[in-house]
Amino acid sequence: SRSTAKNTLYLQMNSLKPEDTAVYYC
């Protein structure tokens, strides 16, 4: 999701798994 008013991008991550381990970028 994103907020243009805040110039911010979001990523809600649920039910995380070990294979989600990484460096995250936008």
PDB file of all heavy atoms in Angstrom:
ATOM      1  N   SER A   1       0.854  -1.181   0.000  1.00  0.00           N
ATOM      2  CA  SER A   1       0.000   0.000   0.000  1.00  0.00           C
ATOM      3  C   SER A   1       0.895   1.237   0.000  1.00  0.00           C
ATOM      4  O   SER A   1       2.110   1.127   0.192  1.00  0.00           O
ATOM      5  CB  SER A   1      -0.928   0.013   1.208  1.00  0.00           C
ATOM      6  OG  SER A   1      -0.186   0.053   2.407  1.00  0.00           O
ATOM      7  N   ARG A   2       0.269   2.390  -0.200  1.00  0.00           N
ATOM      8  CA  ARG A   2       1.070   3.610  -0.187  1.00  0.00           C
ATOM      9  C   ARG A   2       0.244   4.792   0.286  1.00  0.00           C
ATOM     10  O   ARG A   2      -0.980   4.791   0.191  1.00  0.00           O
ATOM     11  CB  ARG A   2       1.627   3.909  -1.572  1.00  0.00           C
ATOM     12  CG  ARG A   2       0.586   4.209  -2.607  1.00  0.00           C
ATOM     13  CD  ARG A   2       1.268   4.535  -3.909  1.00  0.00           C
ATOM     14  NE  ARG A   2       0.311   4.516  -4.996  1.00  0.00           N
ATOM     15  CZ  ARG A   2       0.651   4.553  -6.264  1.00  0.00           C
ATOM     16  NH1 ARG A   2       1.918   4.599  -6.612  1.00  0.00           N
ATOM     17  NH2 ARG A   2      -0.267   4.544  -7.191  1.00  0.00           N
ATOM     18  N   SER A   3       0.949   5.789   0.767  1.00  0.00           N
ATOM     19  CA  SER A   3       0.356   7.048   1.155  1.00  0.00           C
ATOM     20  C   SER A   3       1.060   8.149   0.386  1.00  0.00           C
ATOM     21  O   SER A   3       2.225   8.468   0.667  1.00  0.00           O
ATOM     22  CB  SER A   3       0.508   7.281   2.660  1.00  0.00           C
ATOM     23  OG  SER A   3       0.170   8.622   2.991  1.00  0.00           O
ATOM     24  N   THR A   4       0.359   8.725  -0.581  1.00  0.00           N
ATOM     25  CA  THR A   4       0.991   9.809  -1.333  1.00  0.00           C
ATOM     26  C   THR A   4       1.167  11.037  -0.459  1.00  0.00           C
ATOM     27  O   THR A   4       2.119  11.793  -0.638  1.00  0.00           O
ATOM     28  CB  THR A   4       0.157  10.157  -2.574  1.00  0.00           C
ATOM     29  OG1 THR A   4      -1.191  10.412  -2.173  1.00  0.00           O
ATOM     30  CG2 THR A   4       0.162   9.006  -3.567  1.00  0.00           C
ATOM     31  N   ALA A   5       0.277  11.219   0.510  1.00  0.00           N
ATOM     32  CA  ALA A   5       0.397  12.363   1.416  1.00  0.00           C
ATOM     33  C   ALA A   5       1.676  12.292   2.236  1.00  0.00           C
ATOM     34  O   ALA A   5       2.272  13.318   2.569  1.00  0.00           O
ATOM     35  CB  ALA A   5      -0.814  12.441   2.332  1.00  0.00           C
ATOM     36  N   LYS A   6       2.095  11.076   2.564  1.00  0.00           N
ATOM     37  CA  LYS A   6       3.303  10.883   3.373  1.00  0.00           C
ATOM     38  C   LYS A   6       4.504  10.468   2.528  1.00  0.00           C
ATOM     39  O   LYS A   6       5.571  10.197   3.078  1.00  0.00           O
ATOM     40  CB  LYS A   6       3.038   9.827   4.452  1.00  0.00           C
ATOM     41  CG  LYS A   6       1.976  10.224   5.458  1.00  0.00           C
ATOM     42  CD  LYS A   6       1.785   9.144   6.512  1.00  0.00           C
ATOM     43  CE  LYS A   6       0.745   9.560   7.536  1.00  0.00           C
ATOM     44  NZ  LYS A   6       0.538   8.517   8.580  1.00  0.00           N
ATOM     45  N   ASN A   7       4.314  10.381   1.218  1.00  0.00           N
ATOM     46  CA  ASN A   7       5.406   9.926   0.329  1.00  0.00           C
ATOM     47  C   ASN A   7       5.995   8.607   0.815  1.00  0.00           C
ATOM     48  O   ASN A   7       7.220   8.416   0.829  1.00  0.00           O
ATOM     49  CB  ASN A   7       6.507  10.982   0.238  1.00  0.00           C
ATOM     50  CG  ASN A   7       6.080  12.180  -0.572  1.00  0.00           C
ATOM     51  OD1 ASN A   7       5.367  12.048  -1.564  1.00  0.00           O
ATOM     52  ND2 ASN A   7       6.502  13.350  -0.149  1.00  0.00           N
ATOM     53  N   THR A   8       5.135   7.698   1.228  1.00  0.00           N
ATOM     54  CA  THR A   8       5.592   6.449   1.844  1.00  0.00           C
ATOM     55  C   THR A   8       4.908   5.246   1.223  1.00  0.00           C
ATOM     56  O   THR A   8       3.701   5.250   0.991  1.00  0.00           O
ATOM     57  CB  THR A   8       5.337   6.475   3.359  1.00  0.00           C
ATOM     58  OG1 THR A   8       5.986   7.613   3.930  1.00  0.00           O
ATOM     59  CG2 THR A   8       5.871   5.215   4.019  1.00  0.00           C
ATOM     60  N   LEU A   9       5.704   4.220   0.984  1.00  0.00           N
ATOM     61  CA  LEU A   9       5.236   2.925   0.497  1.00  0.00           C
ATOM     62  C   LEU A   9       5.330   1.935   1.645  1.00  0.00           C
ATOM     63  O   LEU A   9       6.303   1.974   2.415  1.00  0.00           O
ATOM     64  CB  LEU A   9       6.103   2.475  -0.676  1.00  0.00           C
ATOM     65  CG  LEU A   9       5.675   1.231  -1.443  1.00  0.00           C
ATOM     66  CD1 LEU A   9       4.417   1.524  -2.247  1.00  0.00           C
ATOM     67  CD2 LEU A   9       6.803   0.766  -2.369  1.00  0.00           C
ATOM     68  N   TYR A  10       4.335   1.054   1.758  1.00  0.00           N
ATOM     69  CA  TYR A  10       4.302   0.081   2.861  1.00  0.00           C
ATOM     70  C   TYR A  10       4.247  -1.343   2.325  1.00  0.00           C
ATOM     71  O   TYR A  10       3.762  -1.591   1.211  1.00  0.00           O
ATOM     72  CB  TYR A  10       3.075   0.319   3.748  1.00  0.00           C
ATOM     73  CG  TYR A  10       2.991   1.694   4.352  1.00  0.00           C
ATOM     74  CD1 TYR A  10       2.184   2.675   3.780  1.00  0.00           C
ATOM     75  CD2 TYR A  10       3.720   2.028   5.492  1.00  0.00           C
ATOM     76  CE1 TYR A  10       2.096   3.949   4.330  1.00  0.00           C
ATOM     77  CE2 TYR A  10       3.640   3.291   6.047  1.00  0.00           C
ATOM     78  CZ  TYR A  10       2.831   4.244   5.457  1.00  0.00           C
ATOM     79  OH  TYR A  10       2.755   5.512   6.006  1.00  0.00           O
ATOM     80  N   LEU A  11       4.706  -2.271   3.158  1.00  0.00           N
ATOM     81  CA  LEU A  11       4.545  -3.688   2.866  1.00  0.00           C
ATOM     82  C   LEU A  11       4.209  -4.394   4.173  1.00  0.00           C
ATOM     83  O   LEU A  11       5.071  -4.511   5.056  1.00  0.00           O
ATOM     84  CB  LEU A  11       5.806  -4.285   2.244  1.00  0.00           C
ATOM     85  CG  LEU A  11       5.665  -5.735   1.770  1.00  0.00           C
ATOM     86  CD1 LEU A  11       4.697  -5.812   0.580  1.00  0.00           C
ATOM     87  CD2 LEU A  11       7.020  -6.333   1.379  1.00  0.00           C
ATOM     88  N   GLN A  12       2.981  -4.834   4.299  1.00  0.00           N
ATOM     89  CA  GLN A  12       2.560  -5.629   5.455  1.00  0.00           C
ATOM     90  C   GLN A  12       2.851  -7.083   5.146  1.00  0.00           C
ATOM     91  O   GLN A  12       2.365  -7.611   4.148  1.00  0.00           O
ATOM     92  CB  GLN A  12       1.072  -5.417   5.737  1.00  0.00           C
ATOM     93  CG  GLN A  12       0.547  -6.251   6.880  1.00  0.00           C
ATOM     94  CD  GLN A  12       1.127  -5.841   8.226  1.00  0.00           C
ATOM     95  OE1 GLN A  12       1.248  -4.660   8.518  1.00  0.00           O
ATOM     96  NE2 GLN A  12       1.481  -6.822   9.051  1.00  0.00           N
ATOM     97  N   MET A  13       3.629  -7.713   5.997  1.00  0.00           N
ATOM     98  CA  MET A  13       4.032  -9.103   5.776  1.00  0.00           C
ATOM     99  C   MET A  13       3.528  -9.960   6.930  1.00  0.00           C
ATOM    100  O   MET A  13       3.906  -9.732   8.082  1.00  0.00           O
ATOM    101  CB  MET A  13       5.554  -9.192   5.669  1.00  0.00           C
ATOM    102  CG  MET A  13       6.155  -8.262   4.626  1.00  0.00           C
ATOM    103  SD  MET A  13       7.912  -8.530   4.355  1.00  0.00           S
ATOM    104  CE  MET A  13       8.557  -8.145   5.968  1.00  0.00           C
ATOM    105  N   ASN A  14       2.671 -10.900   6.624  1.00  0.00           N
ATOM    106  CA  ASN A  14       2.116 -11.819   7.616  1.00  0.00           C
ATOM    107  C   ASN A  14       2.530 -13.246   7.309  1.00  0.00           C
ATOM    108  O   ASN A  14       2.981 -13.542   6.200  1.00  0.00           O
ATOM    109  CB  ASN A  14       0.587 -11.713   7.625  1.00  0.00           C
ATOM    110  CG  ASN A  14       0.084 -10.325   7.980  1.00  0.00           C
ATOM    111  OD1 ASN A  14       0.708  -9.613   8.769  1.00  0.00           O
ATOM    112  ND2 ASN A  14      -1.030  -9.934   7.387  1.00  0.00           N
ATOM    113  N   SER A  15       2.366 -14.100   8.286  1.00  0.00           N
ATOM    114  CA  SER A  15       2.684 -15.531   8.119  1.00  0.00           C
ATOM    115  C   SER A  15       4.067 -15.713   7.505  1.00  0.00           C
ATOM    116  O   SER A  15       4.250 -16.470   6.551  1.00  0.00           O
ATOM    117  CB  SER A  15       1.618 -16.204   7.247  1.00  0.00           C
ATOM    118  OG  SER A  15       0.337 -16.050   7.810  1.00  0.00           O
ATOM    119  N   LEU A  16       5.021 -15.018   8.060  1.00  0.00           N
ATOM    120  CA  LEU A  16       6.369 -15.043   7.495  1.00  0.00           C
ATOM    121  C   LEU A  16       6.995 -16.427   7.581  1.00  0.00           C
ATOM    122  O   LEU A  16       6.758 -17.188   8.535  1.00  0.00           O
ATOM    123  CB  LEU A  16       7.241 -14.011   8.205  1.00  0.00           C
ATOM    124  CG  LEU A  16       6.992 -12.564   7.741  1.00  0.00           C
ATOM    125  CD1 LEU A  16       7.523 -11.570   8.752  1.00  0.00           C
ATOM    126  CD2 LEU A  16       7.619 -12.336   6.380  1.00  0.00           C
ATOM    127  N   LYS A  17       7.805 -16.728   6.572  1.00  0.00           N
ATOM    128  CA  LYS A  17       8.479 -18.015   6.461  1.00  0.00           C
ATOM    129  C   LYS A  17       9.993 -17.781   6.406  1.00  0.00           C
ATOM    130  O   LYS A  17      10.434 -16.705   5.999  1.00  0.00           O
ATOM    131  CB  LYS A  17       8.040 -18.726   5.185  1.00  0.00           C
ATOM    132  CG  LYS A  17       6.543 -18.935   5.062  1.00  0.00           C
ATOM    133  CD  LYS A  17       6.202 -19.558   3.723  1.00  0.00           C
ATOM    134  CE  LYS A  17       4.702 -19.776   3.568  1.00  0.00           C
ATOM    135  NZ  LYS A  17       4.371 -20.390   2.259  1.00  0.00           N
ATOM    136  N   PRO A  18      10.780 -18.778   6.763  1.00  0.00           N
ATOM    137  CA  PRO A  18      12.239 -18.617   6.678  1.00  0.00           C
ATOM    138  C   PRO A  18      12.711 -18.201   5.292  1.00  0.00           C
ATOM    139  O   PRO A  18      13.688 -17.442   5.170  1.00  0.00           O
ATOM    140  CB  PRO A  18      12.760 -19.999   7.070  1.00  0.00           C
ATOM    141  CG  PRO A  18      11.704 -20.541   7.978  1.00  0.00           C
ATOM    142  CD  PRO A  18      10.407 -20.047   7.414  1.00  0.00           C
ATOM    143  N   GLU A  19      12.028 -18.649   4.259  1.00  0.00           N
ATOM    144  CA  GLU A  19      12.423 -18.291   2.894  1.00  0.00           C
ATOM    145  C   GLU A  19      12.123 -16.842   2.534  1.00  0.00           C
ATOM    146  O   GLU A  19      12.503 -16.382   1.446  1.00  0.00           O
ATOM    147  CB  GLU A  19      11.771 -19.232   1.870  1.00  0.00           C
ATOM    148  CG  GLU A  19      10.276 -19.392   2.013  1.00  0.00           C
ATOM    149  CD  GLU A  19       9.903 -20.628   2.810  1.00  0.00           C
ATOM    150  OE1 GLU A  19      10.540 -20.911   3.857  1.00  0.00           O
ATOM    151  OE2 GLU A  19       8.935 -21.316   2.382  1.00  0.00           O
ATOM    152  N   ASP A  20      11.450 -16.118   3.414  1.00  0.00           N
ATOM    153  CA  ASP A  20      11.250 -14.686   3.212  1.00  0.00           C
ATOM    154  C   ASP A  20      12.463 -13.875   3.676  1.00  0.00           C
ATOM    155  O   ASP A  20      12.506 -12.654   3.479  1.00  0.00           O
ATOM    156  CB  ASP A  20      10.014 -14.202   3.976  1.00  0.00           C
ATOM    157  CG  ASP A  20       8.726 -14.803   3.451  1.00  0.00           C
ATOM    158  OD1 ASP A  20       8.581 -14.911   2.213  1.00  0.00           O
ATOM    159  OD2 ASP A  20       7.864 -15.167   4.282  1.00  0.00           O
ATOM    160  N   THR A  21      13.415 -14.527   4.294  1.00  0.00           N
ATOM    161  CA  THR A  21      14.615 -13.838   4.760  1.00  0.00           C
ATOM    162  C   THR A  21      15.356 -13.210   3.587  1.00  0.00           C
ATOM    163  O   THR A  21      15.700 -13.881   2.616  1.00  0.00           O
ATOM    164  CB  THR A  21      15.545 -14.823   5.491  1.00  0.00           C
ATOM    165  OG1 THR A  21      14.889 -15.281   6.675  1.00  0.00           O
ATOM    166  CG2 THR A  21      16.861 -14.152   5.872  1.00  0.00           C
ATOM    167  N   ALA A  22      15.580 -11.904   3.678  1.00  0.00           N
ATOM    168  CA  ALA A  22      16.220 -11.155   2.590  1.00  0.00           C
ATOM    169  C   ALA A  22      16.355  -9.701   3.010  1.00  0.00           C
ATOM    170  O   ALA A  22      15.812  -9.283   4.043  1.00  0.00           O
ATOM    171  CB  ALA A  22      15.391 -11.251   1.317  1.00  0.00           C
ATOM    172  N   VAL A  23      17.054  -8.939   2.188  1.00  0.00           N
ATOM    173  CA  VAL A  23      17.047  -7.487   2.308  1.00  0.00           C
ATOM    174  C   VAL A  23      15.954  -6.973   1.378  1.00  0.00           C
ATOM    175  O   VAL A  23      15.905  -7.349   0.201  1.00  0.00           O
ATOM    176  CB  VAL A  23      18.402  -6.873   1.939  1.00  0.00           C
ATOM    177  CG1 VAL A  23      18.343  -5.348   2.068  1.00  0.00           C
ATOM    178  CG2 VAL A  23      19.504  -7.433   2.824  1.00  0.00           C
ATOM    179  N   TYR A  24      15.087  -6.131   1.926  1.00  0.00           N
ATOM    180  CA  TYR A  24      13.940  -5.628   1.180  1.00  0.00           C
ATOM    181  C   TYR A  24      14.182  -4.175   0.758  1.00  0.00           C
ATOM    182  O   TYR A  24      14.636  -3.353   1.567  1.00  0.00           O
ATOM    183  CB  TYR A  24      12.676  -5.740   2.024  1.00  0.00           C
ATOM    184  CG  TYR A  24      12.163  -7.155   2.110  1.00  0.00           C
ATOM    185  CD1 TYR A  24      12.829  -8.108   2.856  1.00  0.00           C
ATOM    186  CD2 TYR A  24      11.010  -7.547   1.425  1.00  0.00           C
ATOM    187  CE1 TYR A  24      12.384  -9.417   2.920  1.00  0.00           C
ATOM    188  CE2 TYR A  24      10.546  -8.848   1.488  1.00  0.00           C
ATOM    189  CZ  TYR A  24      11.236  -9.773   2.230  1.00  0.00           C
ATOM    190  OH  TYR A  24      10.786 -11.065   2.292  1.00  0.00           O
ATOM    191  N   TYR A  25      13.833  -3.875  -0.486  1.00  0.00           N
ATOM    192  CA  TYR A  25      14.024  -2.555  -1.077  1.00  0.00           C
ATOM    193  C   TYR A  25      12.729  -2.091  -1.738  1.00  0.00           C
ATOM    194  O   TYR A  25      11.896  -2.903  -2.145  1.00  0.00           O
ATOM    195  CB  TYR A  25      15.092  -2.592  -2.169  1.00  0.00           C
ATOM    196  CG  TYR A  25      16.429  -3.150  -1.785  1.00  0.00           C
ATOM    197  CD1 TYR A  25      16.679  -4.519  -1.828  1.00  0.00           C
ATOM    198  CD2 TYR A  25      17.479  -2.306  -1.409  1.00  0.00           C
ATOM    199  CE1 TYR A  25      17.920  -5.034  -1.495  1.00  0.00           C
ATOM    200  CE2 TYR A  25      18.718  -2.818  -1.075  1.00  0.00           C
ATOM    201  CZ  TYR A  25      18.932  -4.174  -1.122  1.00  0.00           C
ATOM    202  OH  TYR A  25      20.166  -4.682  -0.792  1.00  0.00           O
ATOM    203  N   CYS A  26      12.584  -0.793  -1.889  1.00  0.00           N
ATOM    204  CA  CYS A  26      11.487  -0.262  -2.690  1.00  0.00           C
ATOM    205  C   CYS A  26      12.087   0.569  -3.829  1.00  0.00           C
ATOM    206  O   CYS A  26      13.230   1.037  -3.749  1.00  0.00           O
ATOM    207  CB  CYS A  26      10.538   0.589  -1.848  1.00  0.00           C
ATOM    208  SG  CYS A  26      11.231   2.144  -1.287  1.00  0.00           S
TER     209      CYS A  26
END
